All heavy atoms as atom14 arrays in JSON, in Angstrom:
{
  "sequence": "APGKQRELVASINSGGGSNYADSVKGRFTISRDNAKKAAYLQMDSLKP",
  "atom14_mask": [
    [1, 1, 1, 1, 1, 0, 0, 0, 0, 0, 0, 0, 0, 0],
    [1, 1, 1, 1, 1, 1, 1, 0, 0, 0, 0, 0, 0, 0],
    [1, 1, 1, 1, 0, 0, 0, 0, 0, 0, 0, 0, 0, 0],
    [1, 1, 1, 1, 1, 1, 1, 1, 1, 0, 0, 0, 0, 0],
    [1, 1, 1, 1, 1, 1, 1, 1, 1, 0, 0, 0, 0, 0],
    [1, 1, 1, 1, 1, 1, 1, 1, 1, 1, 1, 0, 0, 0],
    [1, 1, 1, 1, 1, 1, 1, 1, 1, 0, 0, 0, 0, 0],
    [1, 1, 1, 1, 1, 1, 1, 1, 0, 0, 0, 0, 0, 0],
    [1, 1, 1, 1, 1, 1, 1, 0, 0, 0, 0, 0, 0, 0],
    [1, 1, 1, 1, 1, 0, 0, 0, 0, 0, 0, 0, 0, 0],
    [1, 1, 1, 1, 1, 1, 0, 0, 0, 0, 0, 0, 0, 0],
    [1, 1, 1, 1, 1, 1, 1, 1, 0, 0, 0, 0, 0, 0],
    [1, 1, 1, 1, 1, 1, 1, 1, 0, 0, 0, 0, 0, 0],
    [1, 1, 1, 1, 1, 1, 0, 0, 0, 0, 0, 0, 0, 0],
    [1, 1, 1, 1, 0, 0, 0, 0, 0, 0, 0, 0, 0, 0],
    [1, 1, 1, 1, 0, 0, 0, 0, 0, 0, 0, 0, 0, 0],
    [1, 1, 1, 1, 0, 0, 0, 0, 0, 0, 0, 0, 0, 0],
    [1, 1, 1, 1, 1, 1, 0, 0, 0, 0, 0, 0, 0, 0],
    [1, 1, 1, 1, 1, 1, 1, 1, 0, 0, 0, 0, 0, 0],
    [1, 1, 1, 1, 1, 1, 1, 1, 1, 1, 1, 1, 0, 0],
    [1, 1, 1, 1, 1, 0, 0, 0, 0, 0, 0, 0, 0, 0],
    [1, 1, 1, 1, 1, 1, 1, 1, 0, 0, 0, 0, 0, 0],
    [1, 1, 1, 1, 1, 1, 0, 0, 0, 0, 0, 0, 0, 0],
    [1, 1, 1, 1, 1, 1, 1, 0, 0, 0, 0, 0, 0, 0],
    [1, 1, 1, 1, 1, 1, 1, 1, 1, 0, 0, 0, 0, 0],
    [1, 1, 1, 1, 0, 0, 0, 0, 0, 0, 0, 0, 0, 0],
    [1, 1, 1, 1, 1, 1, 1, 1, 1, 1, 1, 0, 0, 0],
    [1, 1, 1, 1, 1, 1, 1, 1, 1, 1, 1, 0, 0, 0],
    [1, 1, 1, 1, 1, 1, 1, 0, 0, 0, 0, 0, 0, 0],
    [1, 1, 1, 1, 1, 1, 1, 1, 0, 0, 0, 0, 0, 0],
    [1, 1, 1, 1, 1, 1, 0, 0, 0, 0, 0, 0, 0, 0],
    [1, 1, 1, 1, 1, 1, 1, 1, 1, 1, 1, 0, 0, 0],
    [1, 1, 1, 1, 1, 1, 1, 1, 0, 0, 0, 0, 0, 0],
    [1, 1, 1, 1, 1, 1, 1, 1, 0, 0, 0, 0, 0, 0],
    [1, 1, 1, 1, 1, 0, 0, 0, 0, 0, 0, 0, 0, 0],
    [1, 1, 1, 1, 1, 1, 1, 1, 1, 0, 0, 0, 0, 0],
    [1, 1, 1, 1, 1, 1, 1, 1, 1, 0, 0, 0, 0, 0],
    [1, 1, 1, 1, 1, 0, 0, 0, 0, 0, 0, 0, 0, 0],
    [1, 1, 1, 1, 1, 0, 0, 0, 0, 0, 0, 0, 0, 0],
    [1, 1, 1, 1, 1, 1, 1, 1, 1, 1, 1, 1, 0, 0],
    [1, 1, 1, 1, 1, 1, 1, 1, 0, 0, 0, 0, 0, 0],
    [1, 1, 1, 1, 1, 1, 1, 1, 1, 0, 0, 0, 0, 0],
    [1, 1, 1, 1, 1, 1, 1, 1, 0, 0, 0, 0, 0, 0],
    [1, 1, 1, 1, 1, 1, 1, 1, 0, 0, 0, 0, 0, 0],
    [1, 1, 1, 1, 1, 1, 0, 0, 0, 0, 0, 0, 0, 0],
    [1, 1, 1, 1, 1, 1, 1, 1, 0, 0, 0, 0, 0, 0],
    [1, 1, 1, 1, 1, 1, 1, 1, 1, 0, 0, 0, 0, 0],
    [1, 1, 1, 1, 1, 1, 1, 0, 0, 0, 0, 0, 0, 0]
  ],
  "atom14_positions": [
    [[0.85, -1.18, -0.01], [-0.01, -0.01, -0.01], [0.9, 1.25, 0.0], [2.05, 1.19, 0.41], [-0.9, -0.01, 1.22], [0.0, 0.0, 0.0], [0.0, 0.0, 0.0], [0.0, 0.0, 0.0], [0.0, 0.0, 0.0], [0.0, 0.0, 0.0], [0.0, 0.0, 0.0], [0.0, 0.0, 0.0], [0.0, 0.0, 0.0], [0.0, 0.0, 0.0]],
    [[0.38, 2.4, -0.44], [1.18, 3.63, -0.48], [1.72, 3.94, 0.9], [1.02, 3.92, 1.9], [0.15, 4.66, -0.92], [-0.85, 3.92, -1.72], [-0.98, 2.57, -1.01], [0.0, 0.0, 0.0], [0.0, 0.0, 0.0], [0.0, 0.0, 0.0], [0.0, 0.0, 0.0], [0.0, 0.0, 0.0], [0.0, 0.0, 0.0], [0.0, 0.0, 0.0]],
    [[3.06, 4.17, 0.93], [3.7, 4.57, 2.16], [3.95, 3.43, 3.12], [4.44, 3.66, 4.23], [0.0, 0.0, 0.0], [0.0, 0.0, 0.0], [0.0, 0.0, 0.0], [0.0, 0.0, 0.0], [0.0, 0.0, 0.0], [0.0, 0.0, 0.0], [0.0, 0.0, 0.0], [0.0, 0.0, 0.0], [0.0, 0.0, 0.0], [0.0, 0.0, 0.0]],
    [[3.68, 2.19, 2.7], [3.87, 1.05, 3.55], [4.83, 0.06, 2.93], [5.06, 0.08, 1.71], [2.54, 0.36, 3.85], [1.59, 1.22, 4.66], [0.37, 0.39, 5.1], [-0.56, 1.23, 5.97], [-1.75, 0.46, 6.42], [0.0, 0.0, 0.0], [0.0, 0.0, 0.0], [0.0, 0.0, 0.0], [0.0, 0.0, 0.0], [0.0, 0.0, 0.0]],
    [[5.37, -0.84, 3.76], [6.27, -1.85, 3.24], [5.47, -2.97, 2.56], [4.31, -3.2, 2.91], [7.09, -2.44, 4.4], [8.16, -1.52, 4.96], [9.12, -2.21, 5.9], [8.71, -3.13, 6.6], [10.35, -1.79, 5.91], [0.0, 0.0, 0.0], [0.0, 0.0, 0.0], [0.0, 0.0, 0.0], [0.0, 0.0, 0.0], [0.0, 0.0, 0.0]],
    [[6.12, -3.63, 1.65], [5.5, -4.79, 1.0], [5.34, -5.88, 2.07], [6.25, -6.18, 2.86], [6.36, -5.27, -0.14], [5.71, -6.32, -1.02], [6.56, -6.62, -2.26], [6.69, -5.43, -3.14], [7.25, -5.47, -4.33], [7.69, -6.64, -4.81], [7.36, -4.39, -5.06], [0.0, 0.0, 0.0], [0.0, 0.0, 0.0], [0.0, 0.0, 0.0]],
    [[4.16, -6.55, 2.07], [3.91, -7.58, 3.04], [3.38, -8.82, 2.35], [2.73, -8.75, 1.32], [2.88, -7.09, 4.08], [1.52, -6.76, 3.52], [0.48, -6.45, 4.59], [0.77, -6.55, 5.77], [-0.63, -6.03, 4.21], [0.0, 0.0, 0.0], [0.0, 0.0, 0.0], [0.0, 0.0, 0.0], [0.0, 0.0, 0.0], [0.0, 0.0, 0.0]],
    [[3.67, -9.97, 3.0], [3.18, -11.24, 2.47], [1.71, -11.39, 2.83], [1.32, -11.24, 4.02], [3.97, -12.38, 3.08], [3.54, -13.79, 2.71], [3.7, -14.06, 1.21], [4.29, -14.82, 3.49], [0.0, 0.0, 0.0], [0.0, 0.0, 0.0], [0.0, 0.0, 0.0], [0.0, 0.0, 0.0], [0.0, 0.0, 0.0], [0.0, 0.0, 0.0]],
    [[0.88, -11.7, 1.85], [-0.55, -11.93, 2.06], [-0.84, -13.42, 2.22], [-1.53, -13.81, 3.15], [-1.34, -11.36, 0.89], [-2.82, -11.69, 1.03], [-1.12, -9.87, 0.78], [0.0, 0.0, 0.0], [0.0, 0.0, 0.0], [0.0, 0.0, 0.0], [0.0, 0.0, 0.0], [0.0, 0.0, 0.0], [0.0, 0.0, 0.0], [0.0, 0.0, 0.0]],
    [[-0.29, -14.2, 1.31], [-0.53, -15.66, 1.35], [0.56, -16.33, 0.53], [1.11, -15.75, -0.4], [-1.9, -16.01, 0.78], [0.0, 0.0, 0.0], [0.0, 0.0, 0.0], [0.0, 0.0, 0.0], [0.0, 0.0, 0.0], [0.0, 0.0, 0.0], [0.0, 0.0, 0.0], [0.0, 0.0, 0.0], [0.0, 0.0, 0.0], [0.0, 0.0, 0.0]],
    [[0.84, -17.59, 0.89], [1.78, -18.37, 0.11], [1.31, -19.8, 0.01], [0.56, -20.29, 0.88], [3.18, -18.29, 0.69], [3.21, -18.9, 1.96], [0.0, 0.0, 0.0], [0.0, 0.0, 0.0], [0.0, 0.0, 0.0], [0.0, 0.0, 0.0], [0.0, 0.0, 0.0], [0.0, 0.0, 0.0], [0.0, 0.0, 0.0], [0.0, 0.0, 0.0]],
    [[1.8, -20.5, -1.02], [1.48, -21.9, -1.23], [2.71, -22.58, -1.72], [3.36, -22.15, -2.68], [0.27, -22.08, -2.19], [-0.13, -23.52, -2.29], [0.56, -21.42, -3.55], [-1.49, -23.71, -2.96], [0.0, 0.0, 0.0], [0.0, 0.0, 0.0], [0.0, 0.0, 0.0], [0.0, 0.0, 0.0], [0.0, 0.0, 0.0], [0.0, 0.0, 0.0]],
    [[3.08, -23.7, -1.09], [4.29, -24.38, -1.48], [4.04, -25.41, -2.56], [2.91, -25.58, -3.02], [5.01, -24.97, -0.24], [4.16, -26.04, 0.46], [3.36, -26.76, -0.17], [4.33, -26.15, 1.77], [0.0, 0.0, 0.0], [0.0, 0.0, 0.0], [0.0, 0.0, 0.0], [0.0, 0.0, 0.0], [0.0, 0.0, 0.0], [0.0, 0.0, 0.0]],
    [[5.09, -26.11, -2.98], [4.97, -27.02, -4.08], [4.04, -28.21, -3.74], [3.46, -28.83, -4.64], [6.33, -27.55, -4.5], [6.97, -28.18, -3.39], [0.0, 0.0, 0.0], [0.0, 0.0, 0.0], [0.0, 0.0, 0.0], [0.0, 0.0, 0.0], [0.0, 0.0, 0.0], [0.0, 0.0, 0.0], [0.0, 0.0, 0.0], [0.0, 0.0, 0.0]],
    [[3.91, -28.5, -2.47], [3.01, -29.58, -2.03], [1.59, -29.17, -1.82], [0.74, -29.99, -1.48], [0.0, 0.0, 0.0], [0.0, 0.0, 0.0], [0.0, 0.0, 0.0], [0.0, 0.0, 0.0], [0.0, 0.0, 0.0], [0.0, 0.0, 0.0], [0.0, 0.0, 0.0], [0.0, 0.0, 0.0], [0.0, 0.0, 0.0], [0.0, 0.0, 0.0]],
    [[1.33, -27.88, -1.96], [-0.05, -27.37, -1.78], [-0.34, -26.77, -0.4], [-1.45, -26.32, -0.16], [0.0, 0.0, 0.0], [0.0, 0.0, 0.0], [0.0, 0.0, 0.0], [0.0, 0.0, 0.0], [0.0, 0.0, 0.0], [0.0, 0.0, 0.0], [0.0, 0.0, 0.0], [0.0, 0.0, 0.0], [0.0, 0.0, 0.0], [0.0, 0.0, 0.0]],
    [[0.64, -26.85, 0.47], [0.43, -26.27, 1.8], [0.43, -24.74, 1.7], [1.21, -24.15, 1.01], [0.0, 0.0, 0.0], [0.0, 0.0, 0.0], [0.0, 0.0, 0.0], [0.0, 0.0, 0.0], [0.0, 0.0, 0.0], [0.0, 0.0, 0.0], [0.0, 0.0, 0.0], [0.0, 0.0, 0.0], [0.0, 0.0, 0.0], [0.0, 0.0, 0.0]],
    [[-0.48, -24.13, 2.45], [-0.65, -22.7, 2.36], [-0.61, -22.01, 3.72], [-0.82, -22.67, 4.77], [-1.95, -22.33, 1.67], [-3.04, -22.85, 2.38], [0.0, 0.0, 0.0], [0.0, 0.0, 0.0], [0.0, 0.0, 0.0], [0.0, 0.0, 0.0], [0.0, 0.0, 0.0], [0.0, 0.0, 0.0], [0.0, 0.0, 0.0], [0.0, 0.0, 0.0]],
    [[-0.29, -20.74, 3.72], [-0.4, -19.95, 4.93], [-0.83, -18.55, 4.57], [-0.67, -18.11, 3.39], [0.9, -19.95, 5.75], [2.02, -19.18, 5.07], [2.54, -19.63, 4.1], [2.31, -18.02, 5.6], [0.0, 0.0, 0.0], [0.0, 0.0, 0.0], [0.0, 0.0, 0.0], [0.0, 0.0, 0.0], [0.0, 0.0, 0.0], [0.0, 0.0, 0.0]],
    [[-1.41, -17.87, 5.52], [-2.0, -16.56, 5.31], [-1.62, -15.56, 6.38], [-1.41, -15.93, 7.53], [-3.53, -16.69, 5.29], [-4.09, -17.57, 4.22], [-4.23, -18.94, 4.42], [-4.46, -17.05, 2.98], [-4.71, -19.76, 3.42], [-4.95, -17.87, 1.98], [-5.07, -19.22, 2.21], [-5.54, -20.02, 1.22], [0.0, 0.0, 0.0], [0.0, 0.0, 0.0]],
    [[-1.58, -14.3, 5.99], [-1.46, -13.24, 6.99], [-2.72, -13.21, 7.82], [-3.81, -13.5, 7.34], [-1.26, -11.89, 6.29], [0.0, 0.0, 0.0], [0.0, 0.0, 0.0], [0.0, 0.0, 0.0], [0.0, 0.0, 0.0], [0.0, 0.0, 0.0], [0.0, 0.0, 0.0], [0.0, 0.0, 0.0], [0.0, 0.0, 0.0], [0.0, 0.0, 0.0]],
    [[-2.57, -12.86, 9.08], [-3.73, -12.85, 10.0], [-4.82, -11.93, 9.46], [-6.0, -12.19, 9.63], [-3.29, -12.39, 11.39], [-2.5, -13.46, 12.12], [-2.56, -14.62, 11.73], [-1.82, -13.08, 13.09], [0.0, 0.0, 0.0], [0.0, 0.0, 0.0], [0.0, 0.0, 0.0], [0.0, 0.0, 0.0], [0.0, 0.0, 0.0], [0.0, 0.0, 0.0]],
    [[-4.44, -10.88, 8.79], [-5.4, -9.87, 8.33], [-6.3, -10.37, 7.22], [-7.36, -9.77, 6.97], [-4.65, -8.61, 7.86], [-3.78, -8.93, 6.8], [0.0, 0.0, 0.0], [0.0, 0.0, 0.0], [0.0, 0.0, 0.0], [0.0, 0.0, 0.0], [0.0, 0.0, 0.0], [0.0, 0.0, 0.0], [0.0, 0.0, 0.0], [0.0, 0.0, 0.0]],
    [[-5.94, -11.48, 6.57], [-6.76, -11.97, 5.45], [-7.3, -13.37, 5.7], [-8.03, -13.89, 4.86], [-5.97, -11.95, 4.15], [-5.39, -10.58, 3.86], [-4.86, -13.0, 4.12], [0.0, 0.0, 0.0], [0.0, 0.0, 0.0], [0.0, 0.0, 0.0], [0.0, 0.0, 0.0], [0.0, 0.0, 0.0], [0.0, 0.0, 0.0], [0.0, 0.0, 0.0]],
    [[-6.96, -13.99, 6.82], [-7.42, -15.33, 7.09], [-8.95, -15.39, 7.09], [-9.59, -14.51, 7.67], [-6.88, -15.82, 8.45], [-5.48, -16.32, 8.4], [-5.02, -16.81, 9.77], [-3.58, -17.27, 9.74], [-3.08, -17.68, 11.1], [0.0, 0.0, 0.0], [0.0, 0.0, 0.0], [0.0, 0.0, 0.0], [0.0, 0.0, 0.0], [0.0, 0.0, 0.0]],
    [[-9.49, -16.39, 6.42], [-10.94, -16.54, 6.34], [-11.55, -15.73, 5.22], [-12.76, -15.9, 4.92], [0.0, 0.0, 0.0], [0.0, 0.0, 0.0], [0.0, 0.0, 0.0], [0.0, 0.0, 0.0], [0.0, 0.0, 0.0], [0.0, 0.0, 0.0], [0.0, 0.0, 0.0], [0.0, 0.0, 0.0], [0.0, 0.0, 0.0], [0.0, 0.0, 0.0]],
    [[-10.82, -14.83, 4.61], [-11.35, -14.02, 3.51], [-10.68, -14.29, 2.17], [-11.32, -14.21, 1.11], [-11.18, -12.53, 3.85], [-11.88, -12.06, 5.11], [-11.86, -10.55, 5.26], [-10.49, -10.01, 5.36], [-9.98, -9.12, 4.52], [-10.71, -8.66, 3.5], [-8.75, -8.66, 4.71], [0.0, 0.0, 0.0], [0.0, 0.0, 0.0], [0.0, 0.0, 0.0]],
    [[-9.39, -14.61, 2.21], [-8.62, -14.84, 1.0], [-8.29, -16.32, 0.88], [-8.03, -17.0, 1.89], [-7.31, -14.06, 1.0], [-7.48, -12.55, 0.85], [-8.7, -11.94, 0.93], [-6.33, -11.76, 0.64], [-8.83, -10.56, 0.79], [-6.45, -10.4, 0.47], [-7.73, -9.8, 0.58], [0.0, 0.0, 0.0], [0.0, 0.0, 0.0], [0.0, 0.0, 0.0]],
    [[-8.19, -16.81, -0.38], [-7.79, -18.21, -0.61], [-6.76, -18.25, -1.73], [-7.05, -17.74, -2.81], [-8.99, -19.07, -0.98], [-9.99, -19.0, 0.04], [-8.56, -20.54, -1.18], [0.0, 0.0, 0.0], [0.0, 0.0, 0.0], [0.0, 0.0, 0.0], [0.0, 0.0, 0.0], [0.0, 0.0, 0.0], [0.0, 0.0, 0.0], [0.0, 0.0, 0.0]],
    [[-5.63, -18.83, -1.48], [-4.61, -19.0, -2.49], [-4.68, -20.4, -3.05], [-5.0, -21.36, -2.35], [-3.2, -18.73, -1.9], [-2.12, -18.65, -3.0], [-2.81, -19.77, -0.84], [-0.78, -18.16, -2.52], [0.0, 0.0, 0.0], [0.0, 0.0, 0.0], [0.0, 0.0, 0.0], [0.0, 0.0, 0.0], [0.0, 0.0, 0.0], [0.0, 0.0, 0.0]],
    [[-4.42, -20.5, -4.37], [-4.44, -21.81, -5.01], [-3.45, -21.78, -6.17], [-2.97, -20.73, -6.58], [-5.83, -22.19, -5.51], [-6.32, -21.24, -6.43], [0.0, 0.0, 0.0], [0.0, 0.0, 0.0], [0.0, 0.0, 0.0], [0.0, 0.0, 0.0], [0.0, 0.0, 0.0], [0.0, 0.0, 0.0], [0.0, 0.0, 0.0], [0.0, 0.0, 0.0]],
    [[-3.18, -22.94, -6.71], [-2.26, -23.04, -7.85], [-2.69, -24.19, -8.75], [-3.32, -25.14, -8.3], [-0.83, -23.24, -7.38], [-0.58, -24.59, -6.7], [0.83, -24.63, -6.05], [1.89, -24.49, -7.03], [3.14, -24.18, -6.7], [3.46, -23.99, -5.44], [4.05, -24.1, -7.64], [0.0, 0.0, 0.0], [0.0, 0.0, 0.0], [0.0, 0.0, 0.0]],
    [[-2.33, -24.07, -10.02], [-2.59, -25.1, -11.01], [-1.28, -25.27, -11.75], [-0.96, -24.52, -12.68], [-3.72, -24.69, -11.96], [-4.1, -25.77, -12.93], [-3.24, -26.63, -13.25], [-5.27, -25.75, -13.4], [0.0, 0.0, 0.0], [0.0, 0.0, 0.0], [0.0, 0.0, 0.0], [0.0, 0.0, 0.0], [0.0, 0.0, 0.0], [0.0, 0.0, 0.0]],
    [[-0.51, -26.28, -11.33], [0.82, -26.48, -11.96], [0.74, -26.81, -13.43], [1.61, -26.45, -14.2], [1.57, -27.54, -11.19], [2.01, -27.1, -9.82], [2.16, -25.89, -9.56], [2.17, -28.05, -8.91], [0.0, 0.0, 0.0], [0.0, 0.0, 0.0], [0.0, 0.0, 0.0], [0.0, 0.0, 0.0], [0.0, 0.0, 0.0], [0.0, 0.0, 0.0]],
    [[-0.32, -27.53, -13.82], [-0.44, -27.87, -15.26], [-0.61, -26.63, -16.13], [-0.16, -26.59, -17.26], [-1.66, -28.8, -15.45], [0.0, 0.0, 0.0], [0.0, 0.0, 0.0], [0.0, 0.0, 0.0], [0.0, 0.0, 0.0], [0.0, 0.0, 0.0], [0.0, 0.0, 0.0], [0.0, 0.0, 0.0], [0.0, 0.0, 0.0], [0.0, 0.0, 0.0]],
    [[-1.27, -25.62, -15.56], [-1.47, -24.35, -16.27], [-0.39, -23.36, -15.95], [-0.39, -22.24, -16.53], [-2.82, -23.76, -15.97], [-4.02, -24.61, -16.44], [-5.34, -23.91, -16.13], [-6.47, -24.73, -16.66], [-7.8, -24.1, -16.38], [0.0, 0.0, 0.0], [0.0, 0.0, 0.0], [0.0, 0.0, 0.0], [0.0, 0.0, 0.0], [0.0, 0.0, 0.0]],
    [[0.49, -23.7, -15.03], [1.51, -22.74, -14.57], [0.86, -21.46, -14.1], [1.2, -20.36, -14.58], [2.6, -22.49, -15.63], [3.46, -23.69, -15.95], [4.56, -23.33, -16.92], [5.44, -24.55, -17.21], [6.54, -24.25, -18.17], [0.0, 0.0, 0.0], [0.0, 0.0, 0.0], [0.0, 0.0, 0.0], [0.0, 0.0, 0.0], [0.0, 0.0, 0.0]],
    [[-0.09, -21.59, -13.25], [-0.84, -20.43, -12.77], [-1.09, -20.52, -11.28], [-1.17, -21.62, -10.7], [-2.17, -20.33, -13.53], [0.0, 0.0, 0.0], [0.0, 0.0, 0.0], [0.0, 0.0, 0.0], [0.0, 0.0, 0.0], [0.0, 0.0, 0.0], [0.0, 0.0, 0.0], [0.0, 0.0, 0.0], [0.0, 0.0, 0.0], [0.0, 0.0, 0.0]],
    [[-1.21, -19.36, -10.67], [-1.61, -19.28, -9.27], [-2.71, -18.24, -9.16], [-2.85, -17.34, -10.01], [-0.4, -18.9, -8.41], [0.0, 0.0, 0.0], [0.0, 0.0, 0.0], [0.0, 0.0, 0.0], [0.0, 0.0, 0.0], [0.0, 0.0, 0.0], [0.0, 0.0, 0.0], [0.0, 0.0, 0.0], [0.0, 0.0, 0.0], [0.0, 0.0, 0.0]],
    [[-3.5, -18.34, -8.1], [-4.62, -17.52, -7.97], [-4.77, -17.0, -6.51], [-4.3, -17.65, -5.59], [-5.91, -18.27, -8.34], [-5.83, -18.95, -9.67], [-5.47, -20.29, -9.76], [-6.07, -18.26, -10.84], [-5.37, -20.91, -10.98], [-5.96, -18.88, -12.08], [-5.6, -20.2, -12.15], [-5.5, -20.84, -13.36], [0.0, 0.0, 0.0], [0.0, 0.0, 0.0]],
    [[-5.4, -15.89, -6.38], [-5.77, -15.36, -5.07], [-7.2, -14.92, -5.11], [-7.54, -13.91, -5.74], [-4.87, -14.23, -4.62], [-5.07, -13.73, -3.21], [-4.62, -14.8, -2.2], [-4.31, -12.42, -2.92], [0.0, 0.0, 0.0], [0.0, 0.0, 0.0], [0.0, 0.0, 0.0], [0.0, 0.0, 0.0], [0.0, 0.0, 0.0], [0.0, 0.0, 0.0]],
    [[-8.07, -15.73, -4.47], [-9.48, -15.37, -4.41], [-9.66, -14.49, -3.16], [-9.31, -14.88, -2.04], [-10.35, -16.64, -4.26], [-11.82, -16.35, -4.07], [-12.46, -15.71, -5.29], [-12.19, -16.11, -6.43], [-13.31, -14.73, -5.07], [0.0, 0.0, 0.0], [0.0, 0.0, 0.0], [0.0, 0.0, 0.0], [0.0, 0.0, 0.0], [0.0, 0.0, 0.0]],
    [[-10.17, -13.3, -3.4], [-10.31, -12.32, -2.29], [-11.77, -12.02, -2.09], [-12.42, -11.46, -2.99], [-9.54, -11.05, -2.62], [-8.06, -11.29, -2.94], [-7.12, -9.78, -3.14], [-7.91, -9.1, -4.62], [0.0, 0.0, 0.0], [0.0, 0.0, 0.0], [0.0, 0.0, 0.0], [0.0, 0.0, 0.0], [0.0, 0.0, 0.0], [0.0, 0.0, 0.0]],
    [[-12.3, -12.37, -0.96], [-13.7, -12.13, -0.63], [-13.8, -11.18, 0.57], [-12.82, -10.96, 1.28], [-14.4, -13.45, -0.29], [-14.38, -14.43, -1.44], [-14.61, -14.01, -2.59], [-14.15, -15.62, -1.2], [0.0, 0.0, 0.0], [0.0, 0.0, 0.0], [0.0, 0.0, 0.0], [0.0, 0.0, 0.0], [0.0, 0.0, 0.0], [0.0, 0.0, 0.0]],
    [[-14.99, -10.61, 0.74], [-15.23, -9.7, 1.85], [-14.13, -8.61, 1.92], [-13.57, -8.34, 2.97], [-15.29, -10.47, 3.19], [-16.28, -11.47, 3.16], [0.0, 0.0, 0.0], [0.0, 0.0, 0.0], [0.0, 0.0, 0.0], [0.0, 0.0, 0.0], [0.0, 0.0, 0.0], [0.0, 0.0, 0.0], [0.0, 0.0, 0.0], [0.0, 0.0, 0.0]],
    [[-13.89, -8.02, 0.79], [-12.81, -7.06, 0.7], [-13.09, -5.82, 1.55], [-14.25, -5.38, 1.69], [-12.54, -6.67, -0.76], [-11.76, -7.69, -1.55], [-11.96, -7.51, -3.04], [-10.3, -7.65, -1.18], [0.0, 0.0, 0.0], [0.0, 0.0, 0.0], [0.0, 0.0, 0.0], [0.0, 0.0, 0.0], [0.0, 0.0, 0.0], [0.0, 0.0, 0.0]],
    [[-12.0, -5.26, 2.1], [-12.09, -4.08, 2.93], [-11.26, -2.97, 2.33], [-10.28, -3.22, 1.58], [-11.53, -4.4, 4.33], [-12.23, -5.56, 5.03], [-11.54, -5.87, 6.36], [-12.19, -7.04, 7.07], [-11.52, -7.37, 8.34], [0.0, 0.0, 0.0], [0.0, 0.0, 0.0], [0.0, 0.0, 0.0], [0.0, 0.0, 0.0], [0.0, 0.0, 0.0]],
    [[-11.56, -1.73, 2.65], [-10.73, -0.61, 2.12], [-9.26, -0.78, 2.44], [-8.4, -0.4, 1.61], [-11.34, 0.62, 2.81], [-12.76, 0.25, 3.03], [-12.75, -1.22, 3.36], [0.0, 0.0, 0.0], [0.0, 0.0, 0.0], [0.0, 0.0, 0.0], [0.0, 0.0, 0.0], [0.0, 0.0, 0.0], [0.0, 0.0, 0.0], [0.0, 0.0, 0.0]]
  ]
}
């Protein structure tokens, strides 16, 4: 965000294990599709 440091929101490892920042737990979901070489971040209940 403007004037702030870059922060980790979510990560997913090669085995599919994921972790989230406390601020987004329960609202964001990270996923990956290795066959498509793609990753996704579903963000729900977004806040300003």
